[in-house]
C-alpha atoms as a PDB file:
ATOM      1  CA  MET A   1     -14.935 125.841 -51.639  1.00  0.00           C
ATOM      2  CA  ASN A   2     -17.523 125.443 -48.997  1.00  0.00           C
ATOM      3  CA  LYS A   3     -17.185 123.536 -45.848  1.00  0.00           C
ATOM      4  CA  ASN A   4     -19.482 120.826 -46.983  1.00  0.00           C
ATOM      5  CA  ASP A   5     -17.237 120.059 -49.974  1.00  0.00           C
ATOM      6  CA  GLY A   6     -14.205 119.925 -47.764  1.00  0.00           C
ATOM      7  CA  GLY A   7     -15.925 117.540 -45.447  1.00  0.00           C
ATOM      8  CA  LYS A   8     -16.769 115.244 -48.350  1.00  0.00           C
ATOM      9  CA  LYS A   9     -13.181 115.263 -49.582  1.00  0.00           C
ATOM     10  CA  GLY A  10     -11.908 114.477 -46.158  1.00  0.00           C
ATOM     11  CA  SER A  11     -14.230 111.546 -45.843  1.00  0.00           C
ATOM     12  CA  ALA A  12     -13.258 110.381 -49.285  1.00  0.00           C
ATOM     13  CA  SER A  13      -9.598 110.527 -48.393  1.00  0.00           C
ATOM     14  CA  ASN A  14     -10.270 108.544 -45.303  1.00  0.00           C
ATOM     15  CA  ARG A  15     -11.903 105.819 -47.395  1.00  0.00           C
ATOM     16  CA  SER A  16      -9.113 105.719 -49.959  1.00  0.00           C
ATOM     17  CA  GLY A  17      -5.907 106.129 -48.047  1.00  0.00           C
ATOM     18  CA  GLY A  18      -6.421 106.851 -44.378  1.00  0.00           C
ATOM     19  CA  LYS A  19      -7.643 104.436 -41.811  1.00  0.00           C
ATOM     20  CA  SER A  20     -11.268 104.619 -40.873  1.00  0.00           C
ATOM     21  CA  SER A  21     -12.220 104.898 -37.238  1.00  0.00           C
ATOM     22  CA  PHE A  22     -14.332 101.729 -37.697  1.00  0.00           C
ATOM     23  CA  SER A  23     -11.194  99.669 -38.508  1.00  0.00           C
ATOM     24  CA  LYS A  24      -9.673 100.122 -35.089  1.00  0.00           C
ATOM     25  CA  SER A  25      -9.725  96.921 -33.034  1.00  0.00           C
ATOM     26  CA  LYS A  26     -11.916  96.950 -30.014  1.00  0.00           C
ATOM     27  CA  PRO A  27     -10.482  95.943 -26.663  1.00  0.00           C
ATOM     28  CA  ALA A  28     -11.063  92.258 -25.843  1.00  0.00           C
ATOM     29  CA  LEU A  29     -13.808  91.508 -23.387  1.00  0.00           C
ATOM     30  CA  PRO A  30     -12.665  89.981 -20.167  1.00  0.00           C
ATOM     31  CA  LYS A  31     -13.109  86.148 -20.043  1.00  0.00           C
ATOM     32  CA  ARG A  32     -15.711  84.817 -17.762  1.00  0.00           C
ATOM     33  CA  ALA A  33     -14.529  82.564 -15.028  1.00  0.00           C
ATOM     34  CA  GLN A  34     -15.132  78.918 -16.011  1.00  0.00           C
ATOM     35  CA  GLY A  35     -15.190  75.951 -13.737  1.00  0.00           C
ATOM     36  CA  PRO A  36     -13.200  72.807 -14.470  1.00  0.00           C
ATOM     37  CA  LYS A  37     -14.597  70.598 -17.239  1.00  0.00           C
ATOM     38  CA  LYS A  38     -15.955  67.248 -16.316  1.00  0.00           C
ATOM     39  CA  ALA A  39     -13.928  64.449 -17.810  1.00  0.00           C
ATOM     40  CA  LYS A  40     -15.977  62.082 -19.976  1.00  0.00           C
ATOM     41  CA  PRO A  41     -15.547  58.410 -19.177  1.00  0.00           C
ATOM     42  CA  THR A  42     -13.701  56.561 -22.007  1.00  0.00           C
ATOM     43  CA  VAL A  43     -13.827  52.865 -22.722  1.00  0.00           C
ATOM     44  CA  ALA A  44     -10.691  51.395 -24.273  1.00  0.00           C
ATOM     45  CA  LYS A  45     -11.431  49.245 -27.268  1.00  0.00           C
ATOM     46  CA  ALA A  46      -9.355  46.216 -28.235  1.00  0.00           C
ATOM     47  CA  ALA A  47      -8.902  47.696 -31.698  1.00  0.00           C
ATOM     48  CA  ASP A  48      -7.443  50.889 -30.112  1.00  0.00           C
ATOM     49  CA  VAL A  49      -4.938  48.909 -28.073  1.00  0.00           C
ATOM     50  CA  ASN A  50      -3.826  46.822 -31.031  1.00  0.00           C
ATOM     51  CA  PRO A  51      -5.438  47.889 -34.336  1.00  0.00           C
ATOM     52  CA  GLU A  52      -4.096  44.783 -36.111  1.00  0.00           C
ATOM     53  CA  LYS A  53      -6.196  42.417 -33.994  1.00  0.00           C
ATOM     54  CA  PRO A  54     -10.006  42.537 -34.080  1.00  0.00           C
ATOM     55  CA  ALA A  55     -11.861  43.017 -30.842  1.00  0.00           C
ATOM     56  CA  LYS A  56     -12.573  39.763 -29.031  1.00  0.00           C
ATOM     57  CA  LYS A  57     -16.127  38.711 -28.496  1.00  0.00           C
ATOM     58  CA  ALA A  58     -17.544  38.595 -25.006  1.00  0.00           C
ATOM     59  CA  ASN A  59     -16.834  35.411 -23.077  1.00  0.00           C
ATOM     60  CA  GLN A  60     -14.302  34.264 -25.708  1.00  0.00           C
ATOM     61  CA  ALA A  61     -11.289  32.484 -24.260  1.00  0.00           C
ATOM     62  CA  PRO A  62      -7.929  33.815 -25.456  1.00  0.00           C
ATOM     63  CA  LYS A  63      -6.057  31.563 -27.873  1.00  0.00           C
ATOM     64  CA  ARG A  64      -2.949  29.843 -26.600  1.00  0.00           C
ATOM     65  CA  GLN A  65       0.267  30.912 -28.272  1.00  0.00           C
ATOM     66  CA  LYS A  66       1.948  28.250 -30.400  1.00  0.00           C
ATOM     67  CA  ALA A  67       5.015  26.865 -28.684  1.00  0.00           C
ATOM     68  CA  GLU A  68       8.150  25.592 -30.387  1.00  0.00           C
ATOM     69  CA  GLY A  69       7.618  22.183 -31.951  1.00  0.00           C
ATOM     70  CA  GLU A  70       3.844  22.571 -32.210  1.00  0.00           C
ATOM     71  CA  MET A  71       1.678  22.876 -35.305  1.00  0.00           C
ATOM     72  CA  ARG A  72      -1.986  23.145 -36.125  1.00  0.00           C
ATOM     73  CA  LEU A  73      -3.816  19.865 -36.323  1.00  0.00           C
ATOM     74  CA  ASN A  74      -4.986  20.410 -39.908  1.00  0.00           C
ATOM     75  CA  LYS A  75      -1.395  21.077 -41.029  1.00  0.00           C
ATOM     76  CA  TYR A  76      -0.229  17.967 -39.160  1.00  0.00           C
ATOM     77  CA  ILE A  77      -2.795  15.931 -41.093  1.00  0.00           C
ATOM     78  CA  ALA A  78      -1.927  17.562 -44.429  1.00  0.00           C
ATOM     79  CA  ASN A  79       1.795  16.938 -43.902  1.00  0.00           C
ATOM     80  CA  SER A  80       1.043  13.254 -43.469  1.00  0.00           C
ATOM     81  CA  GLY A  81      -0.206  13.224 -47.064  1.00  0.00           C
ATOM     82  CA  VAL A  82      -3.724  11.891 -46.499  1.00  0.00           C
ATOM     83  CA  CYS A  83      -5.577  15.044 -47.587  1.00  0.00           C
ATOM     84  CA  SER A  84      -5.391  18.828 -47.878  1.00  0.00           C
ATOM     85  CA  ARG A  85      -5.771  21.262 -44.958  1.00  0.00           C
ATOM     86  CA  ARG A  86      -9.266  22.215 -46.051  1.00  0.00           C
ATOM     87  CA  GLU A  87     -10.324  18.579 -46.177  1.00  0.00           C
ATOM     88  CA  ALA A  88      -8.660  17.994 -42.790  1.00  0.00           C
ATOM     89  CA  ASP A  89     -10.849  20.719 -41.274  1.00  0.00           C
ATOM     90  CA  ILE A  90     -13.935  18.806 -42.405  1.00  0.00           C
ATOM     91  CA  TYR A  91     -12.679  15.595 -40.812  1.00  0.00           C
ATOM     92  CA  ILE A  92     -11.872  17.443 -37.580  1.00  0.00           C
ATOM     93  CA  GLN A  93     -15.311  19.041 -37.373  1.00  0.00           C
ATOM     94  CA  SER A  94     -16.981  15.689 -37.999  1.00  0.00           C
ATOM     95  CA  GLY A  95     -15.154  14.118 -35.037  1.00  0.00           C
ATOM     96  CA  ASN A  96     -13.069  11.646 -37.076  1.00  0.00           C
ATOM     97  CA  VAL A  97      -9.732  12.833 -35.643  1.00  0.00           C
ATOM     98  CA  LYS A  98      -8.373  11.802 -32.246  1.00  0.00           C
ATOM     99  CA  VAL A  99      -5.323  13.145 -30.416  1.00  0.00           C
ATOM    100  CA  ASN A 100      -3.914  10.791 -27.803  1.00  0.00           C
ATOM    101  CA  GLY A 101      -7.153   8.824 -27.959  1.00  0.00           C
ATOM    102  CA  VAL A 102      -9.440  11.830 -27.386  1.00  0.00           C
ATOM    103  CA  PRO A 103     -11.685  13.150 -30.231  1.00  0.00           C
ATOM    104  CA  VAL A 104     -10.836  16.738 -31.197  1.00  0.00           C
ATOM    105  CA  THR A 105     -13.295  19.007 -33.015  1.00  0.00           C
ATOM    106  CA  GLU A 106     -11.692  22.363 -32.157  1.00  0.00           C
ATOM    107  CA  MET A 107     -10.413  24.316 -35.153  1.00  0.00           C
ATOM    108  CA  GLY A 108      -6.836  25.514 -34.740  1.00  0.00           C
ATOM    109  CA  TYR A 109      -6.009  22.834 -32.156  1.00  0.00           C
ATOM    110  CA  LEU A 110      -2.245  22.612 -31.596  1.00  0.00           C
ATOM    111  CA  VAL A 111      -0.408  19.297 -31.430  1.00  0.00           C
ATOM    112  CA  LYS A 112       3.154  18.314 -30.566  1.00  0.00           C
ATOM    113  CA  SER A 113       5.381  15.930 -32.466  1.00  0.00           C
ATOM    114  CA  THR A 114       5.050  13.496 -29.554  1.00  0.00           C
ATOM    115  CA  ASP A 115       1.249  13.397 -29.786  1.00  0.00           C
ATOM    116  CA  VAL A 116      -0.445  10.396 -31.349  1.00  0.00           C
ATOM    117  CA  VAL A 117      -2.902  11.540 -34.022  1.00  0.00           C
ATOM    118  CA  ASN A 118      -5.476   9.054 -35.243  1.00  0.00           C
ATOM    119  CA  PHE A 119      -7.126   9.988 -38.534  1.00  0.00           C
ATOM    120  CA  ASP A 120     -10.207   8.020 -39.501  1.00  0.00           C
ATOM    121  CA  GLY A 121      -8.810   4.901 -37.807  1.00  0.00           C
ATOM    122  CA  SER A 122      -5.141   5.238 -38.897  1.00  0.00           C
ATOM    123  CA  VAL A 123      -2.198   6.670 -36.952  1.00  0.00           C
ATOM    124  CA  LEU A 124      -0.462   9.494 -38.834  1.00  0.00           C
ATOM    125  CA  THR A 125       3.110  10.734 -38.987  1.00  0.00           C
ATOM    126  CA  PRO A 126       3.669  14.497 -39.315  1.00  0.00           C
ATOM    127  CA  GLU A 127       6.514  14.273 -41.825  1.00  0.00           C
ATOM    128  CA  LYS A 128       5.879  16.413 -44.873  1.00  0.00           C
ATOM    129  CA  LYS A 129       5.758  14.395 -48.088  1.00  0.00           C
ATOM    130  CA  GLU A 130       8.350  15.410 -50.657  1.00  0.00           C
ATOM    131  CA  TYR A 131       8.846  14.352 -54.259  1.00  0.00           C
ATOM    132  CA  LEU A 132      11.936  14.869 -56.419  1.00  0.00           C
ATOM    133  CA  LEU A 133      12.502  13.828 -60.026  1.00  0.00           C
ATOM    134  CA  LEU A 134      16.070  13.017 -61.096  1.00  0.00           C
ATOM    135  CA  ASN A 135      17.460  12.540 -64.594  1.00  0.00           C
ATOM    136  CA  LYS A 136      19.954   9.859 -63.558  1.00  0.00           C
ATOM    137  CA  PRO A 137      23.370   9.693 -65.248  1.00  0.00           C
ATOM    138  CA  LYS A 138      25.506   6.570 -65.670  1.00  0.00           C
ATOM    139  CA  ASN A 139      27.730   5.062 -62.961  1.00  0.00           C
ATOM    140  CA  PHE A 140      25.233   5.695 -60.168  1.00  0.00           C
ATOM    141  CA  THR A 141      23.175   2.885 -58.686  1.00  0.00           C
ATOM    142  CA  THR A 142      20.128   2.504 -56.456  1.00  0.00           C
ATOM    143  CA  ALA A 143      21.609  -0.529 -54.676  1.00  0.00           C
ATOM    144  CA  PHE A 144      24.042  -0.550 -51.770  1.00  0.00           C
ATOM    145  CA  ASP A 145      25.456  -3.963 -52.627  1.00  0.00           C
ATOM    146  CA  GLU A 146      27.237  -3.245 -55.924  1.00  0.00           C
ATOM    147  CA  GLY A 147      30.581  -2.339 -54.403  1.00  0.00           C
ATOM    148  CA  PHE A 148      32.233   0.935 -53.579  1.00  0.00           C
ATOM    149  CA  GLU A 149      33.352   1.648 -57.141  1.00  0.00           C
ATOM    150  CA  HIS A 150      29.838   2.886 -57.981  1.00  0.00           C
ATOM    151  CA  ARG A 151      28.264   5.828 -56.222  1.00  0.00           C
ATOM    152  CA  HIS A 152      24.724   5.809 -54.876  1.00  0.00           C
ATOM    153  CA  VAL A 153      21.988   7.916 -56.484  1.00  0.00           C
ATOM    154  CA  SER A 154      21.155   9.531 -53.134  1.00  0.00           C
ATOM    155  CA  GLU A 155      24.278  11.683 -53.554  1.00  0.00           C
ATOM    156  CA  LEU A 156      22.669  13.396 -56.534  1.00  0.00           C
ATOM    157  CA  VAL A 157      19.630  14.654 -54.577  1.00  0.00           C
ATOM    158  CA  ARG A 158      21.299  15.288 -51.226  1.00  0.00           C
ATOM    159  CA  GLY A 159      20.645  19.037 -51.327  1.00  0.00           C
ATOM    160  CA  GLY A 160      17.010  18.687 -52.362  1.00  0.00           C
ATOM    161  CA  SER A 161      15.512  17.784 -48.999  1.00  0.00           C
ATOM    162  CA  LYS A 162      16.298  17.580 -45.311  1.00  0.00           C
ATOM    163  CA  SER A 163      14.292  14.354 -45.083  1.00  0.00           C
ATOM    164  CA  PRO A 164      15.716  11.003 -46.184  1.00  0.00           C
ATOM    165  CA  LEU A 165      14.226  10.212 -49.595  1.00  0.00           C
ATOM    166  CA  THR A 166      14.005   6.765 -51.192  1.00  0.00           C
ATOM    167  CA  PRO A 167      14.288   6.056 -54.929  1.00  0.00           C
ATOM    168  CA  VAL A 168      11.203   4.437 -56.442  1.00  0.00           C
ATOM    169  CA  GLY A 169      12.295   1.212 -58.087  1.00  0.00           C
ATOM    170  CA  ARG A 170      15.807   0.045 -58.901  1.00  0.00           C
ATOM    171  CA  MET A 171      18.303   1.219 -61.511  1.00  0.00           C
ATOM    172  CA  ASP A 172      21.715  -0.257 -62.197  1.00  0.00           C
ATOM    173  CA  LYS A 173      24.788   1.786 -62.982  1.00  0.00           C
ATOM    174  CA  ASN A 174      24.299   1.596 -66.775  1.00  0.00           C
ATOM    175  CA  THR A 175      20.639   2.657 -66.797  1.00  0.00           C
ATOM    176  CA  THR A 176      19.894   6.348 -67.185  1.00  0.00           C
ATOM    177  CA  GLY A 177      16.787   8.508 -67.153  1.00  0.00           C
ATOM    178  CA  LEU A 178      13.957   9.414 -64.854  1.00  0.00           C
ATOM    179  CA  LEU A 179      14.056   8.273 -61.245  1.00  0.00           C
ATOM    180  CA  LEU A 180      11.531   9.416 -58.639  1.00  0.00           C
ATOM    181  CA  PHE A 181      12.555  10.055 -55.009  1.00  0.00           C
ATOM    182  CA  THR A 182      10.097  10.430 -52.135  1.00  0.00           C
ATOM    183  CA  ASN A 183       9.427   9.756 -48.457  1.00  0.00           C
ATOM    184  CA  ASP A 184       5.816   8.852 -49.261  1.00  0.00           C
ATOM    185  CA  THR A 185       5.677   5.145 -48.479  1.00  0.00           C
ATOM    186  CA  ASP A 186       2.278   4.777 -50.144  1.00  0.00           C
ATOM    187  CA  MET A 187       3.688   6.256 -53.345  1.00  0.00           C
ATOM    188  CA  ILE A 188       6.716   3.946 -53.228  1.00  0.00           C
ATOM    189  CA  ARG A 189       4.503   0.916 -52.735  1.00  0.00           C
ATOM    190  CA  LYS A 190       2.180   2.023 -55.514  1.00  0.00           C
ATOM    191  CA  PHE A 191       4.930   2.196 -58.140  1.00  0.00           C
ATOM    192  CA  THR A 192       6.874  -0.892 -57.137  1.00  0.00           C
ATOM    193  CA  ILE A 193       4.116  -3.523 -56.962  1.00  0.00           C
ATOM    194  CA  PRO A 194       4.012  -5.976 -59.902  1.00  0.00           C
ATOM    195  CA  ASN A 195       0.566  -4.948 -61.170  1.00  0.00           C
ATOM    196  CA  GLN A 196       0.724  -1.234 -61.932  1.00  0.00           C
ATOM    197  CA  LYS A 197      -1.510   1.110 -63.879  1.00  0.00           C
ATOM    198  CA  SER A 198       1.140   3.682 -64.806  1.00  0.00           C
ATOM    199  CA  SER A 199       3.168   3.517 -68.005  1.00  0.00           C
ATOM    200  CA  LYS A 200       6.925   3.937 -68.403  1.00  0.00           C
ATOM    201  CA  ILE A 201       8.722   4.558 -71.688  1.00  0.00           C
ATOM    202  CA  TYR A 202      12.278   3.346 -72.318  1.00  0.00           C
ATOM    203  CA  GLN A 203      14.706   3.930 -75.150  1.00  0.00           C
ATOM    204  CA  VAL A 204      16.813   0.799 -75.564  1.00  0.00           C
ATOM    205  CA  SER A 205      20.097   0.627 -77.508  1.00  0.00           C
ATOM    206  CA  LEU A 206      20.993  -2.850 -78.789  1.00  0.00           C
ATOM    207  CA  ASP A 207      24.235  -4.287 -80.141  1.00  0.00           C
ATOM    208  CA  LYS A 208      22.534  -5.040 -83.497  1.00  0.00           C
ATOM    209  CA  ASN A 209      19.374  -4.258 -85.403  1.00  0.00           C
ATOM    210  CA  LEU A 210      16.172  -5.716 -83.976  1.00  0.00           C
ATOM    211  CA  LYS A 211      14.532  -8.117 -86.436  1.00  0.00           C
ATOM    212  CA  TYR A 212      10.963  -7.306 -87.315  1.00  0.00           C
ATOM    213  CA  GLU A 213       9.772 -10.775 -86.318  1.00  0.00           C
ATOM    214  CA  ASP A 214      11.361 -10.276 -82.899  1.00  0.00           C
ATOM    215  CA  LEU A 215       9.619  -6.912 -82.592  1.00  0.00           C
ATOM    216  CA  GLU A 216       6.319  -8.707 -83.264  1.00  0.00           C
ATOM    217  CA  LYS A 217       7.105 -11.307 -80.596  1.00  0.00           C
ATOM    218  CA  ILE A 218       7.665  -8.547 -78.046  1.00  0.00           C
ATOM    219  CA  GLN A 219       4.460  -6.811 -79.063  1.00  0.00           C
ATOM    220  CA  LYS A 220       2.398  -9.998 -78.618  1.00  0.00           C
ATOM    221  CA  GLY A 221       3.874 -10.626 -75.183  1.00  0.00           C
ATOM    222  CA  MET A 222       6.482 -13.062 -73.920  1.00  0.00           C
ATOM    223  CA  THR A 223       6.874 -15.631 -71.175  1.00  0.00           C
ATOM    224  CA  ILE A 224      10.292 -15.493 -69.508  1.00  0.00           C
ATOM    225  CA  GLU A 225      11.224 -17.849 -66.675  1.00  0.00           C
ATOM    226  CA  GLY A 226       7.568 -18.644 -66.115  1.00  0.00           C
ATOM    227  CA  HIS A 227       6.478 -15.002 -65.940  1.00  0.00           C
ATOM    228  CA  ARG A 228       4.219 -13.468 -68.548  1.00  0.00           C
ATOM    229  CA  ILE A 229       5.516 -10.100 -69.719  1.00  0.00           C
ATOM    230  CA  SER A 230       3.155  -7.792 -71.571  1.00  0.00           C
ATOM    231  CA  VAL A 231       4.149  -4.552 -73.262  1.00  0.00           C
ATOM    232  CA  GLU A 232       1.865  -1.740 -74.322  1.00  0.00           C
ATOM    233  CA  GLU A 233       3.898  -0.698 -77.325  1.00  0.00           C
ATOM    234  CA  VAL A 234       7.236  -1.412 -79.014  1.00  0.00           C
ATOM    235  CA  SER A 235       8.589   0.315 -82.108  1.00  0.00           C
ATOM    236  CA  TYR A 236      11.656   1.447 -83.991  1.00  0.00           C
ATOM    237  CA  ILE A 237      12.639   5.035 -83.228  1.00  0.00           C
ATOM    238  CA  ASP A 238      12.227   7.437 -86.145  1.00  0.00           C
ATOM    239  CA  ASP A 239      15.400   8.570 -87.903  1.00  0.00           C
ATOM    240  CA  GLN A 240      17.469   6.138 -85.829  1.00  0.00           C
ATOM    241  CA  PRO A 241      19.106   2.789 -86.627  1.00  0.00           C
ATOM    242  CA  LYS A 242      16.983  -0.319 -86.145  1.00  0.00           C
ATOM    243  CA  SER A 243      19.013  -1.001 -83.019  1.00  0.00           C
ATOM    244  CA  GLU A 244      17.299   1.930 -81.253  1.00  0.00           C
ATOM    245  CA  ILE A 245      14.001   0.725 -79.845  1.00  0.00           C
ATOM    246  CA  GLY A 246      11.180   2.454 -77.971  1.00  0.00           C
ATOM    247  CA  LEU A 247       9.437   0.308 -75.389  1.00  0.00           C
ATOM    248  CA  LYS A 248       6.337   1.216 -73.365  1.00  0.00           C
ATOM    249  CA  LEU A 249       5.234  -0.960 -70.454  1.00  0.00           C
ATOM    250  CA  ARG A 250       3.952  -0.619 -66.919  1.00  0.00           C
ATOM    251  CA  THR A 251       6.698  -2.185 -64.848  1.00  0.00           C
ATOM    252  CA  SER A 252       9.235   0.053 -63.102  1.00  0.00           C
ATOM    253  CA  ASN A 253      11.714  -2.824 -62.884  1.00  0.00           C
ATOM    254  CA  VAL A 254      14.414  -2.051 -65.435  1.00  0.00           C
ATOM    255  CA  LYS A 255      15.653  -5.645 -65.266  1.00  0.00           C
ATOM    256  CA  VAL A 256      12.473  -6.727 -67.069  1.00  0.00           C
ATOM    257  CA  VAL A 257      13.370  -4.476 -69.997  1.00  0.00           C
ATOM    258  CA  ARG A 258      16.829  -5.999 -70.195  1.00  0.00           C
ATOM    259  CA  HIS A 259      15.493  -9.567 -69.944  1.00  0.00           C
ATOM    260  CA  ILE A 260      13.094  -9.039 -72.867  1.00  0.00           C
ATOM    261  CA  PHE A 261      15.914  -8.423 -75.342  1.00  0.00           C
ATOM    262  CA  GLU A 262      18.449 -10.760 -73.810  1.00  0.00           C
ATOM    263  CA  HIS A 263      15.866 -13.538 -74.104  1.00  0.00           C
ATOM    264  CA  LEU A 264      15.940 -12.942 -77.886  1.00  0.00           C
ATOM    265  CA  SER A 265      19.778 -13.029 -77.968  1.00  0.00           C
ATOM    266  CA  TYR A 266      20.422  -9.280 -78.081  1.00  0.00           C
ATOM    267  CA  ASP A 267      22.947  -7.467 -75.898  1.00  0.00           C
ATOM    268  CA  VAL A 268      21.552  -4.342 -74.298  1.00  0.00           C
ATOM    269  CA  LEU A 269      24.059  -1.499 -74.503  1.00  0.00           C
ATOM    270  CA  ARG A 270      21.978   1.236 -72.917  1.00  0.00           C
ATOM    271  CA  ILE A 271      18.565   1.783 -71.329  1.00  0.00           C
ATOM    272  CA  ASP A 272      17.187   5.289 -70.846  1.00  0.00           C
ATOM    273  CA  ARG A 273      13.858   5.894 -69.112  1.00  0.00           C
ATOM    274  CA  VAL A 274      12.363   8.868 -70.944  1.00  0.00           C
ATOM    275  CA  ALA A 275       8.917   8.916 -69.289  1.00  0.00           C
ATOM    276  CA  PHE A 276       7.620   7.809 -65.889  1.00  0.00           C
ATOM    277  CA  ALA A 277       3.882   7.838 -65.131  1.00  0.00           C
ATOM    278  CA  GLY A 278       3.324  10.941 -67.230  1.00  0.00           C
ATOM    279  CA  LEU A 279       6.535  12.706 -66.102  1.00  0.00           C
ATOM    280  CA  THR A 280       9.101  13.531 -68.803  1.00  0.00           C
ATOM    281  CA  LYS A 281      12.679  14.759 -69.044  1.00  0.00           C
ATOM    282  CA  LYS A 282      11.653  18.105 -70.508  1.00  0.00           C
ATOM    283  CA  ASN A 283      13.935  20.906 -69.233  1.00  0.00           C
ATOM    284  CA  LEU A 284      15.724  18.436 -66.946  1.00  0.00           C
ATOM    285  CA  PRO A 285      19.355  17.895 -68.045  1.00  0.00           C
ATOM    286  CA  ARG A 286      21.203  14.710 -67.183  1.00  0.00           C
ATOM    287  CA  GLY A 287      22.339  14.651 -63.561  1.00  0.00           C
ATOM    288  CA  ASN A 288      19.853  17.345 -62.472  1.00  0.00           C
ATOM    289  CA  TYR A 289      16.730  17.043 -60.345  1.00  0.00           C
ATOM    290  CA  ARG A 290      13.656  19.120 -59.563  1.00  0.00           C
ATOM    291  CA  ALA A 291      10.716  19.085 -57.174  1.00  0.00           C
ATOM    292  CA  LEU A 292       7.383  17.950 -58.554  1.00  0.00           C
ATOM    293  CA  THR A 293       4.611  20.503 -58.912  1.00  0.00           C
ATOM    294  CA  GLU A 294       1.391  20.185 -56.929  1.00  0.00           C
ATOM    295  CA  GLN A 295      -0.465  19.151 -60.075  1.00  0.00           C
ATOM    296  CA  GLU A 296       2.117  16.457 -60.887  1.00  0.00           C
ATOM    297  CA  ILE A 297       1.765  15.044 -57.370  1.00  0.00           C
ATOM    298  CA  ILE A 298      -2.018  14.963 -57.738  1.00  0.00           C
ATOM    299  CA  ASN A 299      -1.659  13.207 -61.096  1.00  0.00           C
ATOM    300  CA  LEU A 300       0.616  10.532 -59.587  1.00  0.00           C
ATOM    301  CA  LYS A 301      -1.828   9.890 -56.760  1.00  0.00           C
ATOM    302  CA  ASN A 302      -4.684   9.541 -59.242  1.00  0.00           C
ATOM    303  CA  VAL A 303      -2.907   7.066 -61.513  1.00  0.00           C
END
């Protein structure tokens, strides 16, 4: 073996198993002395301070925090029942709303319960309008003058609202069925005036079968004690005795229903209001109540 071969083997062994002289780490160069870095000026952004709130525009006054007992003006107007919040914003922007005699056009304006809010010429009250529908049972009355042996219907809806609600129309202790409660005085007035546009349906139980000629008299209309009484529809109830009568008319006064049949010498055993201005007893057991839906409230206001 010559020396050249040995040198090749040695170099080969260095590549395969031994460490090459080129793999040794070189000593680190000494660091150059560096002067202190200049700090860059930073501008704090509103979004960095509180990322949940957008940055305020220049020259924008900060909004006042809402204190206890205050509410936004558009909510105050909506709670009064005259319109929705969105519609209230339009009235505010147009200058038709005054607070304590001063026109207010600022969106988000806060008012107190002691403030006097004038909306389009009328003074508003901030009480939220509520509407409950009760399926009234027997032995409860809407009157306070029928003695203490009969309980008042307000007991049945006591847990439904913190506001005092008034029954719409009158019902005696023997009358059952749908009874509307609300603190909306306009709604109460609307459904208690003599000339109404809304229909009510009653199921009347008589002491004997109603004669067909008497049914025709009711259908044509009757004059009782000088008052003309018109009905929209009267009929026998399917699959029931002829003493079970369906009566549709616009009055909410149950006494009128009773007078119609008593005028024809029938004794009324039971009156049940099964429909009131489009509202029905569906899924509402006797003695229970429920809040009206937004659509039902709209329908009542549009009657």
